[in-house]
N, C-alpha and C. Protein backbone atom coordinates (compact mmCIF):
# COMPACT_ATOMS: atom_id res chain seq x y z
N MET A 1 6.59 43.07 68.52
CA MET A 1 5.47 43.47 67.86
C MET A 1 4.38 42.70 67.59
N PRO A 2 3.01 42.87 67.97
CA PRO A 2 1.96 42.19 68.16
C PRO A 2 1.86 41.48 67.15
N ASP A 3 1.12 40.18 66.71
CA ASP A 3 0.57 39.42 65.28
C ASP A 3 -0.49 40.56 65.13
N GLU A 4 -0.35 41.21 63.84
CA GLU A 4 -1.25 41.95 63.15
C GLU A 4 -2.74 40.99 62.60
N THR A 5 -2.35 39.54 62.45
CA THR A 5 -3.33 39.07 62.29
C THR A 5 -4.00 38.11 63.35
N THR A 6 -3.72 38.41 64.55
CA THR A 6 -4.54 37.90 65.67
C THR A 6 -5.71 39.07 65.72
N PRO A 7 -7.25 38.51 66.04
CA PRO A 7 -8.07 39.64 66.50
C PRO A 7 -7.75 40.29 67.83
N PRO A 8 -8.20 41.39 68.08
CA PRO A 8 -7.92 42.02 69.39
C PRO A 8 -8.75 41.14 70.43
N GLY A 9 -8.03 41.41 71.79
CA GLY A 9 -9.05 40.14 72.85
C GLY A 9 -8.62 38.85 72.18
N ALA A 10 -7.71 38.65 71.68
CA ALA A 10 -7.85 36.93 71.58
C ALA A 10 -6.62 36.65 72.23
N PRO A 11 -6.67 35.46 72.92
CA PRO A 11 -5.58 34.76 73.54
C PRO A 11 -4.34 34.36 72.26
N PRO A 12 -3.22 34.76 73.13
CA PRO A 12 -2.00 34.64 71.66
C PRO A 12 -1.75 33.19 71.39
N ALA A 13 -1.59 33.00 70.20
CA ALA A 13 -1.45 31.55 69.76
C ALA A 13 -0.34 30.77 70.71
N PRO A 14 -0.51 29.18 71.11
CA PRO A 14 0.39 29.00 71.95
C PRO A 14 1.70 28.66 71.31
N PRO A 15 2.82 28.69 71.77
CA PRO A 15 4.30 28.55 70.74
C PRO A 15 4.37 26.79 70.48
N PRO A 16 5.05 26.93 69.51
CA PRO A 16 5.26 25.33 68.90
C PRO A 16 5.83 24.38 70.26
N ALA A 17 5.75 23.36 69.91
CA ALA A 17 6.25 22.19 70.56
C ALA A 17 7.62 22.03 70.02
N PRO A 18 8.41 21.82 71.03
CA PRO A 18 10.15 21.84 70.39
C PRO A 18 9.96 20.94 69.52
N GLY A 19 10.98 20.84 68.27
CA GLY A 19 11.18 20.00 67.37
C GLY A 19 9.81 20.10 66.31
N ALA A 20 8.77 20.93 66.42
CA ALA A 20 7.82 20.67 65.39
C ALA A 20 8.03 21.60 64.54
N GLN A 21 7.67 21.27 63.17
CA GLN A 21 7.45 22.21 62.15
C GLN A 21 6.80 23.46 62.45
N PRO A 22 6.82 24.38 61.69
CA PRO A 22 5.79 25.40 62.18
C PRO A 22 5.05 25.11 60.60
N LYS A 23 3.75 25.34 61.31
CA LYS A 23 2.62 25.22 60.19
C LYS A 23 2.08 26.63 59.51
N LEU A 24 2.18 26.81 58.16
CA LEU A 24 2.33 28.00 57.47
C LEU A 24 0.44 27.74 56.86
N ASP A 25 0.04 28.97 57.31
CA ASP A 25 -1.12 29.32 56.61
C ASP A 25 -1.01 29.74 55.05
N LEU A 26 -1.35 29.12 54.03
CA LEU A 26 -1.20 29.46 52.88
C LEU A 26 -2.33 29.76 51.82
N GLY A 27 -3.35 29.98 52.66
CA GLY A 27 -4.77 30.18 52.42
C GLY A 27 -5.59 28.98 51.70
N PRO A 28 -6.71 29.04 51.38
CA PRO A 28 -7.78 27.83 51.08
C PRO A 28 -6.69 27.24 49.84
N GLY A 29 -7.25 26.03 49.96
CA GLY A 29 -6.68 25.28 48.89
C GLY A 29 -5.59 24.81 48.38
N VAL A 30 -4.49 25.86 49.22
CA VAL A 30 -2.98 25.64 48.79
C VAL A 30 -2.54 24.62 49.61
N GLY A 31 -2.96 24.00 50.82
CA GLY A 31 -2.33 23.04 51.61
C GLY A 31 -2.65 21.73 51.31
N ILE A 32 -3.58 21.39 50.31
CA ILE A 32 -4.16 19.87 50.12
C ILE A 32 -3.09 19.16 49.38
N SER A 33 -2.99 18.01 49.93
CA SER A 33 -2.33 16.89 49.77
C SER A 33 -2.41 16.51 48.45
N VAL A 34 -1.49 16.58 47.65
CA VAL A 34 -1.09 16.19 46.22
C VAL A 34 -1.47 14.54 46.34
N GLN A 35 -0.89 13.70 47.17
CA GLN A 35 -0.47 12.16 47.03
C GLN A 35 -1.91 12.06 47.02
N GLN A 36 -2.81 12.76 48.46
CA GLN A 36 -4.61 12.19 48.13
C GLN A 36 -5.49 12.30 47.22
N ASP A 37 -5.15 13.83 46.44
CA ASP A 37 -5.96 14.21 45.34
C ASP A 37 -5.86 12.96 44.13
N MET A 38 -4.16 12.72 44.18
CA MET A 38 -4.49 11.77 42.92
C MET A 38 -5.01 10.47 43.63
N ALA A 39 -5.10 10.05 44.55
CA ALA A 39 -5.41 8.76 44.98
C ALA A 39 -7.15 9.11 44.95
N ALA A 40 -7.61 9.86 44.78
CA ALA A 40 -9.06 10.09 44.93
C ALA A 40 -9.95 9.15 43.76
N PRO A 41 -11.13 9.07 43.89
CA PRO A 41 -11.54 7.42 42.62
C PRO A 41 -11.91 8.22 41.69
N GLU A 42 -11.89 9.87 41.44
CA GLU A 42 -12.12 9.98 39.71
C GLU A 42 -11.19 10.32 39.45
N ARG A 43 -9.63 10.08 40.45
CA ARG A 43 -8.56 10.18 39.25
C ARG A 43 -8.11 8.74 38.60
N LYS A 44 -8.88 7.69 39.26
CA LYS A 44 -8.54 6.52 38.57
C LYS A 44 -8.63 6.28 37.16
N LEU A 45 -7.88 5.19 36.33
CA LEU A 45 -8.05 5.01 35.08
C LEU A 45 -9.77 4.28 34.73
N PRO A 46 -9.79 4.83 33.49
CA PRO A 46 -11.23 3.90 33.20
C PRO A 46 -11.24 2.25 33.14
N PRO A 47 -12.01 1.45 33.18
CA PRO A 47 -12.04 0.19 33.09
C PRO A 47 -11.08 -0.36 32.00
N VAL A 48 -10.91 -1.43 31.88
CA VAL A 48 -10.26 -2.22 30.94
C VAL A 48 -11.02 -2.58 29.88
N LYS A 49 -11.95 -2.50 30.07
CA LYS A 49 -12.98 -3.02 28.87
C LYS A 49 -13.16 -1.78 28.30
N ILE A 50 -13.40 -0.85 28.78
CA ILE A 50 -13.52 0.63 28.30
C ILE A 50 -12.38 0.78 27.09
N LEU A 51 -11.09 0.60 27.71
CA LEU A 51 -10.29 0.51 26.97
C LEU A 51 -9.50 -0.30 25.88
N LEU A 52 -10.24 -1.43 25.70
CA LEU A 52 -10.10 -2.35 24.91
C LEU A 52 -11.07 -2.11 23.97
N ILE A 53 -12.19 -1.61 23.85
CA ILE A 53 -13.44 -0.91 23.19
C ILE A 53 -13.10 -0.07 22.34
N ALA A 54 -12.13 1.15 22.90
CA ALA A 54 -11.75 2.53 22.38
C ALA A 54 -10.67 1.97 21.92
N ILE A 55 -9.22 0.93 21.98
CA ILE A 55 -8.34 0.30 20.96
C ILE A 55 -9.20 0.03 19.83
N ALA A 56 -9.91 -0.90 19.99
CA ALA A 56 -10.66 -1.45 18.53
C ALA A 56 -11.17 -1.01 17.94
N ALA A 57 -11.76 0.57 18.25
CA ALA A 57 -12.03 1.38 17.53
C ALA A 57 -11.35 2.12 16.50
N LEU A 58 -10.58 2.61 17.41
CA LEU A 58 -9.49 3.18 16.40
C LEU A 58 -8.76 2.37 15.51
N ALA A 59 -8.60 1.27 15.79
CA ALA A 59 -8.05 -0.17 14.89
C ALA A 59 -9.11 -0.02 13.50
N VAL A 60 -10.41 -0.03 13.70
CA VAL A 60 -10.96 0.10 12.72
C VAL A 60 -11.22 1.07 11.66
N VAL A 61 -10.97 2.05 12.57
CA VAL A 61 -10.68 3.75 11.63
C VAL A 61 -9.45 3.78 11.12
N VAL A 62 -8.26 3.11 11.54
CA VAL A 62 -7.17 3.32 10.72
C VAL A 62 -7.26 2.24 9.46
N GLY A 63 -7.84 1.17 9.77
CA GLY A 63 -7.91 0.39 9.02
C GLY A 63 -8.85 0.54 7.49
N MET A 64 -9.92 1.45 7.74
CA MET A 64 -10.68 1.88 6.80
C MET A 64 -9.69 2.83 6.11
N LEU A 65 -8.99 3.96 6.82
CA LEU A 65 -8.37 4.82 6.08
C LEU A 65 -7.32 4.14 5.35
N SER A 66 -6.75 3.26 5.55
CA SER A 66 -5.69 2.59 5.02
C SER A 66 -6.29 2.12 3.87
N PHE A 67 -7.25 1.43 4.12
CA PHE A 67 -8.22 0.79 2.81
C PHE A 67 -8.57 1.84 1.47
N PHE A 68 -9.06 3.09 1.98
CA PHE A 68 -9.58 4.13 1.14
C PHE A 68 -8.40 4.73 0.28
N THR A 69 -7.56 5.15 1.28
CA THR A 69 -6.42 5.68 0.65
C THR A 69 -5.29 4.98 -0.10
N ARG A 70 -5.31 3.42 -0.17
CA ARG A 70 -4.27 2.82 -0.76
C ARG A 70 -3.73 3.08 -2.22
N ALA A 71 -2.78 2.87 -2.77
CA ALA A 71 -2.33 3.41 -3.90
C ALA A 71 -3.03 2.29 -4.86
N LYS A 72 -3.45 2.68 -5.90
CA LYS A 72 -4.48 1.72 -7.04
C LYS A 72 -3.58 2.06 -8.34
N PRO A 73 -3.66 0.97 -9.10
CA PRO A 73 -3.02 1.07 -10.60
C PRO A 73 -3.63 2.57 -11.24
N GLN A 74 -2.69 3.17 -11.97
CA GLN A 74 -3.10 4.21 -12.78
C GLN A 74 -3.66 4.04 -14.45
N GLY A 75 -3.85 2.87 -14.72
CA GLY A 75 -4.42 2.15 -15.93
C GLY A 75 -4.75 1.21 -15.71
N ALA A 76 -5.91 0.54 -16.86
CA ALA A 76 -6.39 -0.28 -16.61
C ALA A 76 -6.50 -0.74 -18.61
N GLY A 77 -7.23 -2.04 -19.00
CA GLY A 77 -7.17 -2.37 -20.38
C GLY A 77 -7.90 -3.84 -20.31
N SER A 78 -7.06 -4.49 -21.22
CA SER A 78 -7.47 -5.78 -21.29
C SER A 78 -6.34 -6.70 -22.13
N VAL A 79 -6.51 -7.83 -22.28
CA VAL A 79 -5.34 -8.67 -22.96
C VAL A 79 -6.44 -9.13 -23.93
N ASP A 80 -6.09 -8.72 -25.62
CA ASP A 80 -7.36 -8.77 -26.52
C ASP A 80 -6.87 -10.10 -27.27
N ASN A 81 -5.43 -10.48 -27.29
CA ASN A 81 -5.10 -11.98 -28.23
C ASN A 81 -3.94 -12.28 -27.28
N VAL A 82 -3.80 -13.75 -27.71
CA VAL A 82 -2.90 -14.63 -27.30
C VAL A 82 -2.50 -15.19 -28.21
N ALA A 83 -1.36 -15.24 -29.02
CA ALA A 83 -0.88 -16.12 -29.66
C ALA A 83 0.48 -16.55 -29.43
N ALA A 84 0.51 -18.09 -29.08
CA ALA A 84 1.94 -18.75 -28.60
C ALA A 84 2.30 -19.78 -29.67
N VAL A 85 3.66 -20.41 -29.52
CA VAL A 85 4.26 -21.36 -30.36
C VAL A 85 5.16 -21.97 -29.52
N GLU A 86 5.50 -23.52 -29.59
CA GLU A 86 6.28 -23.96 -28.69
C GLU A 86 7.68 -23.98 -29.62
N ILE A 87 8.65 -23.62 -29.10
CA ILE A 87 10.21 -23.62 -29.53
C ILE A 87 10.86 -25.08 -29.69
N PRO A 88 11.09 -25.20 -30.81
CA PRO A 88 11.48 -26.94 -30.98
C PRO A 88 12.75 -27.08 -30.18
N GLY A 89 12.36 -28.02 -29.42
CA GLY A 89 13.83 -28.61 -28.73
C GLY A 89 14.53 -27.85 -27.49
N GLN A 90 13.51 -26.73 -27.11
CA GLN A 90 13.80 -26.20 -26.03
C GLN A 90 12.78 -26.20 -24.72
N ASN A 91 11.79 -26.87 -25.00
CA ASN A 91 10.64 -26.90 -23.74
C ASN A 91 10.40 -25.49 -23.39
N ALA A 92 10.08 -24.81 -24.13
CA ALA A 92 9.80 -23.34 -24.09
C ALA A 92 8.70 -22.81 -24.81
N MET A 93 7.85 -21.89 -24.42
CA MET A 93 6.82 -21.10 -25.50
C MET A 93 6.96 -19.75 -25.50
N LEU A 94 7.04 -19.36 -27.00
CA LEU A 94 7.18 -17.86 -27.40
C LEU A 94 5.64 -17.57 -27.31
N VAL A 95 5.42 -16.17 -26.93
CA VAL A 95 3.96 -15.80 -26.67
C VAL A 95 3.91 -14.58 -26.99
N ALA A 96 3.12 -13.83 -27.95
CA ALA A 96 2.79 -12.46 -28.28
C ALA A 96 1.42 -12.44 -27.54
N LEU A 97 1.74 -11.24 -26.79
CA LEU A 97 0.21 -10.48 -26.21
C LEU A 97 0.06 -9.60 -26.54
N THR A 98 -1.29 -9.38 -27.34
CA THR A 98 -1.56 -8.01 -28.15
C THR A 98 -2.55 -7.53 -26.74
N VAL A 99 -2.43 -6.17 -26.18
CA VAL A 99 -3.24 -5.65 -25.07
C VAL A 99 -3.73 -4.23 -25.48
N THR A 100 -4.78 -3.85 -25.11
CA THR A 100 -5.32 -2.41 -24.77
C THR A 100 -4.94 -2.10 -23.25
N LEU A 101 -4.13 -0.81 -23.20
CA LEU A 101 -4.18 -0.09 -22.20
C LEU A 101 -4.70 1.13 -21.91
N ARG A 102 -5.30 1.64 -21.19
CA ARG A 102 -5.95 3.04 -20.76
C ARG A 102 -5.44 3.83 -19.70
N ASN A 103 -5.06 4.96 -19.98
CA ASN A 103 -4.57 5.67 -18.72
C ASN A 103 -5.83 6.16 -17.99
N THR A 104 -6.29 5.44 -16.67
CA THR A 104 -7.41 5.90 -16.24
C THR A 104 -7.09 7.51 -15.02
N GLY A 105 -5.79 7.70 -14.70
CA GLY A 105 -5.54 8.29 -13.90
C GLY A 105 -5.74 9.90 -14.28
N GLU A 106 -5.06 10.71 -13.39
CA GLU A 106 -4.92 12.21 -14.13
C GLU A 106 -3.85 12.71 -14.29
N LYS A 107 -2.96 11.99 -14.38
CA LYS A 107 -1.45 12.82 -14.51
C LYS A 107 -1.24 11.61 -15.88
N THR A 108 -0.34 11.38 -16.32
CA THR A 108 0.25 11.34 -17.66
C THR A 108 0.67 9.87 -17.07
N LEU A 109 0.60 8.92 -18.09
CA LEU A 109 1.47 7.52 -17.79
C LEU A 109 2.61 7.37 -18.30
N TRP A 110 3.61 6.95 -18.04
CA TRP A 110 4.59 6.94 -18.80
C TRP A 110 5.42 5.36 -18.23
N ILE A 111 5.31 4.61 -19.63
CA ILE A 111 5.28 3.21 -19.29
C ILE A 111 7.20 2.85 -18.93
N HIS A 112 7.16 2.23 -17.99
CA HIS A 112 8.82 1.99 -17.36
C HIS A 112 9.21 0.96 -18.12
N THR A 113 8.71 -0.51 -17.37
CA THR A 113 9.23 -1.71 -17.87
C THR A 113 7.61 -2.57 -18.30
N LEU A 114 7.86 -3.39 -18.96
CA LEU A 114 6.83 -4.55 -19.86
C LEU A 114 7.08 -5.82 -19.07
N GLN A 115 6.44 -6.94 -18.57
CA GLN A 115 6.53 -8.09 -18.56
C GLN A 115 5.54 -9.01 -18.62
N GLY A 116 5.81 -10.60 -18.95
CA GLY A 116 4.58 -11.27 -19.27
C GLY A 116 4.71 -12.32 -17.98
N LYS A 117 3.29 -12.82 -17.34
CA LYS A 117 3.56 -13.57 -16.29
C LYS A 117 2.59 -14.88 -16.74
N LEU A 118 2.95 -15.75 -16.45
CA LEU A 118 2.16 -16.96 -16.79
C LEU A 118 2.01 -17.82 -15.36
N LYS A 119 0.68 -18.46 -15.34
CA LYS A 119 0.40 -19.09 -13.98
C LYS A 119 -0.13 -20.15 -14.46
N THR A 120 0.50 -21.61 -14.15
CA THR A 120 0.33 -23.15 -14.33
C THR A 120 -0.03 -23.58 -13.22
N ALA A 121 -0.65 -25.04 -13.20
CA ALA A 121 -0.61 -25.87 -11.95
C ALA A 121 0.65 -26.08 -11.20
N SER A 122 1.78 -25.93 -11.73
CA SER A 122 3.07 -25.95 -11.73
C SER A 122 4.02 -24.70 -10.75
N GLY A 123 3.71 -23.92 -11.29
CA GLY A 123 4.08 -22.94 -10.77
C GLY A 123 3.84 -21.40 -11.48
N GLU A 124 4.37 -20.31 -11.20
CA GLU A 124 4.30 -19.49 -12.02
C GLU A 124 5.61 -18.79 -12.59
N TYR A 125 5.47 -18.18 -13.78
CA TYR A 125 6.69 -17.98 -14.43
C TYR A 125 6.49 -16.30 -14.96
N SER A 126 7.93 -15.59 -15.21
CA SER A 126 7.77 -14.17 -15.58
C SER A 126 8.92 -14.07 -16.67
N ASP A 127 8.92 -13.37 -17.37
CA ASP A 127 9.71 -12.66 -18.44
C ASP A 127 9.56 -11.27 -18.76
N ASP A 128 10.95 -10.34 -18.79
CA ASP A 128 10.88 -9.15 -19.20
C ASP A 128 10.34 -9.52 -20.91
N ALA A 129 9.62 -8.17 -21.55
CA ALA A 129 9.45 -8.13 -22.71
C ALA A 129 10.59 -8.34 -23.92
N ALA A 130 10.41 -8.92 -24.78
CA ALA A 130 11.46 -8.63 -26.18
C ALA A 130 11.61 -7.34 -26.51
N SER A 131 12.38 -7.19 -26.93
CA SER A 131 13.03 -5.67 -27.67
C SER A 131 12.06 -5.96 -28.85
N ALA A 132 11.37 -4.70 -29.34
CA ALA A 132 10.81 -4.23 -30.58
C ALA A 132 11.67 -4.70 -31.93
N VAL A 133 13.32 -4.47 -31.63
CA VAL A 133 13.83 -5.12 -32.88
C VAL A 133 13.87 -6.19 -33.32
N ASP A 134 13.44 -7.42 -32.04
CA ASP A 134 13.21 -8.77 -32.60
C ASP A 134 12.32 -9.18 -32.97
N PHE A 135 11.21 -8.27 -33.22
CA PHE A 135 9.76 -8.82 -33.51
C PHE A 135 9.55 -9.41 -34.74
N GLU A 136 10.17 -8.95 -35.62
CA GLU A 136 10.23 -9.22 -37.35
C GLU A 136 11.02 -10.70 -37.33
N ARG A 137 12.02 -10.69 -36.68
CA ARG A 137 12.61 -12.00 -36.46
C ARG A 137 11.75 -12.92 -36.10
N TYR A 138 11.43 -12.94 -35.06
CA TYR A 138 10.33 -13.79 -34.51
C TYR A 138 9.17 -14.40 -34.90
N PHE A 139 8.64 -12.96 -36.31
CA PHE A 139 7.51 -13.30 -37.10
C PHE A 139 7.88 -14.21 -38.10
N GLN A 140 8.98 -14.16 -38.53
CA GLN A 140 9.71 -14.67 -39.72
C GLN A 140 9.91 -16.22 -39.54
N ALA A 141 10.37 -16.72 -38.32
CA ALA A 141 10.59 -17.64 -37.82
C ALA A 141 9.28 -18.28 -37.51
N PHE A 142 8.65 -17.92 -36.72
CA PHE A 142 7.14 -18.30 -36.28
C PHE A 142 6.09 -17.57 -36.85
N PRO A 143 5.49 -17.79 -38.09
CA PRO A 143 4.60 -16.72 -38.67
C PRO A 143 3.10 -16.89 -37.82
N ALA A 144 3.07 -17.87 -36.92
CA ALA A 144 1.49 -18.25 -36.48
C ALA A 144 1.69 -17.33 -34.80
N LEU A 145 2.81 -16.81 -34.83
CA LEU A 145 2.99 -15.59 -33.61
C LEU A 145 2.49 -14.30 -34.00
N ARG A 146 2.41 -13.92 -35.34
CA ARG A 146 2.07 -12.85 -35.85
C ARG A 146 0.68 -12.44 -35.76
N GLU A 147 -0.33 -13.79 -35.65
CA GLU A 147 -1.69 -13.94 -35.82
C GLU A 147 -2.20 -12.62 -34.95
N ASN A 148 -3.19 -11.83 -35.64
CA ASN A 148 -3.49 -10.48 -34.75
C ASN A 148 -2.54 -9.90 -33.61
N SER A 149 -1.74 -10.26 -34.26
CA SER A 149 -0.65 -8.95 -33.39
C SER A 149 -0.65 -7.85 -34.17
N THR A 150 0.01 -6.82 -33.55
CA THR A 150 0.47 -5.45 -33.71
C THR A 150 1.28 -5.08 -33.77
N HIS A 151 1.83 -3.96 -33.80
CA HIS A 151 2.98 -2.90 -33.57
C HIS A 151 3.29 -3.40 -31.85
N ALA A 152 4.91 -2.86 -31.55
CA ALA A 152 5.29 -3.36 -30.39
C ALA A 152 4.67 -2.49 -29.43
N LEU A 153 4.33 -2.72 -28.27
CA LEU A 153 4.18 -2.02 -26.91
C LEU A 153 5.07 -1.95 -26.42
N MET A 154 6.05 -0.52 -25.99
CA MET A 154 7.41 -0.21 -25.82
C MET A 154 7.62 0.56 -24.72
N PRO A 155 8.35 0.48 -23.93
CA PRO A 155 8.87 1.21 -22.64
C PRO A 155 9.23 2.54 -23.03
N GLU A 156 8.69 3.73 -22.31
CA GLU A 156 8.84 4.85 -22.87
C GLU A 156 7.54 5.48 -23.56
N THR A 157 6.91 4.67 -23.70
CA THR A 157 5.80 5.15 -24.05
C THR A 157 4.80 6.10 -23.15
N LYS A 158 4.20 7.44 -23.71
CA LYS A 158 3.43 8.30 -22.85
C LYS A 158 1.95 8.16 -23.16
N LEU A 159 1.23 7.96 -22.15
CA LEU A 159 -0.20 8.04 -22.04
C LEU A 159 -0.79 9.19 -21.77
N LEU A 160 -1.45 10.31 -22.20
CA LEU A 160 -2.16 11.11 -21.69
C LEU A 160 -3.31 10.69 -20.82
N SER A 161 -3.99 11.44 -20.04
CA SER A 161 -4.78 10.78 -19.35
C SER A 161 -6.20 10.76 -20.08
N GLY A 162 -6.74 9.76 -19.99
CA GLY A 162 -7.91 9.16 -20.88
C GLY A 162 -7.59 8.67 -21.98
N GLN A 163 -6.16 8.70 -22.52
CA GLN A 163 -5.54 8.12 -24.06
C GLN A 163 -5.57 6.54 -23.89
N SER A 164 -5.71 5.84 -24.67
CA SER A 164 -5.77 4.28 -25.06
C SER A 164 -4.73 3.96 -25.81
N ILE A 165 -4.08 2.71 -25.79
CA ILE A 165 -3.08 2.34 -26.82
C ILE A 165 -3.12 0.95 -26.74
N ARG A 166 -2.98 0.30 -28.32
CA ARG A 166 -3.07 -1.05 -28.34
C ARG A 166 -1.63 -1.30 -28.92
N GLY A 167 -1.09 -2.69 -28.64
CA GLY A 167 0.29 -2.90 -29.08
C GLY A 167 0.68 -4.48 -28.56
N THR A 168 1.55 -4.83 -28.75
CA THR A 168 2.08 -6.22 -28.58
C THR A 168 3.17 -6.59 -27.86
N ILE A 169 3.16 -7.15 -27.07
CA ILE A 169 4.71 -7.75 -26.24
C ILE A 169 4.94 -9.14 -26.43
N VAL A 170 5.96 -9.40 -26.71
CA VAL A 170 6.65 -10.75 -26.66
C VAL A 170 7.62 -11.39 -25.53
N VAL A 171 7.52 -12.35 -24.91
CA VAL A 171 7.75 -13.23 -24.11
C VAL A 171 7.98 -14.49 -24.29
N SER A 172 8.72 -15.23 -23.45
CA SER A 172 8.93 -16.63 -23.34
C SER A 172 8.47 -17.26 -22.08
N PHE A 173 8.31 -18.46 -21.78
CA PHE A 173 8.05 -18.93 -20.87
C PHE A 173 8.86 -20.62 -20.90
N PRO A 174 9.16 -21.18 -20.02
CA PRO A 174 10.07 -22.11 -19.79
C PRO A 174 8.75 -23.45 -19.74
N VAL A 175 7.99 -23.70 -20.27
CA VAL A 175 6.70 -25.17 -20.58
C VAL A 175 6.65 -25.36 -21.81
N ARG A 176 6.19 -26.77 -21.63
CA ARG A 176 5.63 -27.22 -22.89
C ARG A 176 4.16 -26.62 -23.11
N GLN A 177 3.87 -26.79 -24.30
CA GLN A 177 2.82 -26.55 -25.01
C GLN A 177 1.31 -26.97 -24.30
N GLU A 178 1.96 -28.00 -23.91
CA GLU A 178 0.79 -28.92 -22.78
C GLU A 178 0.46 -28.10 -21.63
N GLU A 179 1.26 -27.82 -21.27
CA GLU A 179 1.32 -27.07 -19.94
C GLU A 179 0.78 -25.76 -20.18
N PHE A 180 1.28 -25.18 -21.17
CA PHE A 180 0.81 -23.90 -21.32
C PHE A 180 -0.76 -23.49 -21.79
N ASP A 181 -1.10 -24.52 -22.45
CA ASP A 181 -2.34 -24.67 -22.75
C ASP A 181 -3.56 -25.15 -21.61
N LYS A 182 -3.21 -25.72 -20.64
CA LYS A 182 -3.59 -25.73 -19.40
C LYS A 182 -3.44 -24.72 -18.09
N ARG A 183 -3.16 -23.71 -19.11
CA ARG A 183 -2.42 -22.43 -17.94
C ARG A 183 -3.95 -22.09 -17.16
N GLN A 184 -3.33 -21.60 -15.94
CA GLN A 184 -4.59 -20.78 -14.88
C GLN A 184 -4.85 -19.24 -15.70
N SER A 185 -3.96 -18.76 -15.75
CA SER A 185 -4.09 -17.47 -16.22
C SER A 185 -2.76 -16.96 -16.92
N ILE A 186 -2.93 -15.75 -17.72
CA ILE A 186 -1.60 -15.42 -18.28
C ILE A 186 -1.79 -13.82 -18.60
N ARG A 187 -0.51 -12.88 -18.10
CA ARG A 187 -1.17 -11.40 -17.56
C ARG A 187 0.22 -10.63 -18.68
N ALA A 188 -0.23 -9.64 -18.87
CA ALA A 188 0.81 -8.34 -19.34
C ALA A 188 1.21 -7.59 -17.66
N VAL A 189 2.29 -7.59 -17.58
CA VAL A 189 2.21 -6.35 -16.33
C VAL A 189 2.82 -5.01 -16.67
N ILE A 190 2.23 -4.02 -17.00
CA ILE A 190 2.92 -3.01 -17.01
C ILE A 190 3.37 -1.75 -16.03
N GLN A 191 4.67 -1.68 -15.76
CA GLN A 191 5.09 -0.43 -14.57
C GLN A 191 5.16 0.70 -15.08
N PRO A 192 4.68 1.50 -14.61
CA PRO A 192 4.47 2.90 -15.20
C PRO A 192 5.82 3.87 -14.30
N TYR A 193 6.39 4.72 -14.79
CA TYR A 193 7.49 5.62 -14.01
C TYR A 193 6.38 5.98 -12.69
N ASP A 194 7.19 6.26 -11.56
CA ASP A 194 6.79 6.87 -10.75
C ASP A 194 5.22 6.55 -10.23
N GLN A 195 4.85 5.35 -10.26
CA GLN A 195 3.79 4.51 -9.16
C GLN A 195 4.55 3.36 -8.86
N PRO A 196 3.99 3.31 -7.63
CA PRO A 196 3.70 1.91 -6.84
C PRO A 196 3.34 0.79 -6.96
N VAL A 197 2.13 1.08 -7.96
CA VAL A 197 1.37 -0.03 -8.11
C VAL A 197 1.36 -0.45 -9.64
N PRO A 198 1.66 -1.58 -10.50
CA PRO A 198 1.88 -1.86 -11.71
C PRO A 198 0.50 -2.01 -12.08
N VAL A 199 -0.05 -1.82 -13.34
CA VAL A 199 -1.35 -2.15 -14.36
C VAL A 199 -1.17 -3.61 -14.80
N GLU A 200 -1.92 -4.97 -14.11
CA GLU A 200 -1.89 -6.18 -14.36
C GLU A 200 -3.01 -6.28 -15.33
N LEU A 201 -2.66 -6.77 -16.57
CA LEU A 201 -3.95 -6.96 -17.66
C LEU A 201 -3.96 -8.69 -17.66
N THR A 202 -4.71 -9.05 -17.18
CA THR A 202 -5.10 -10.75 -17.11
C THR A 202 -6.02 -11.37 -18.13
N LYS A 203 -5.70 -12.70 -18.66
CA LYS A 203 -6.92 -13.31 -19.71
C LYS A 203 -6.90 -14.98 -18.97
């Protein structure tokens, strides 16, 4: 049967050489070599300089996003008064910190833990706040500790959004009076429930 694709009057196609693979006509574009296409200049990667600029720009964007979305304390306030006495024979100070705490967040602030931190030239010290039931005993033993102090600020205290509270925490640090007087800073550290960042009030 004659080849229907051969025009009338055209000489028949020569038979393929022995051992040669027959060439298939797959239509326009189908027989393009993939290897040649990928090796074309337009398929090459962009210059290294452009890649480095793009990576640097991406790093700047990621850094800005992390800065503006990082966790922030839910509260603010101040250390209103510091009353301190040296414990005789113990090389330690007993300190009453009276603070004002304000809930600056939109959710209820629920106090989990309370600490005091002291920074001096020799190092930093921290102590958990004493229980409120011990306040009167401390005030009777050291009347100067009561100066400008108020009721105890306690764990489990809840503050609604925008609400403020004033209270005292009592802590101790293993330093002498002279070192305490030359302190670099003293802080009340208030850790709320369900918050990654504590509220730190510094004086």
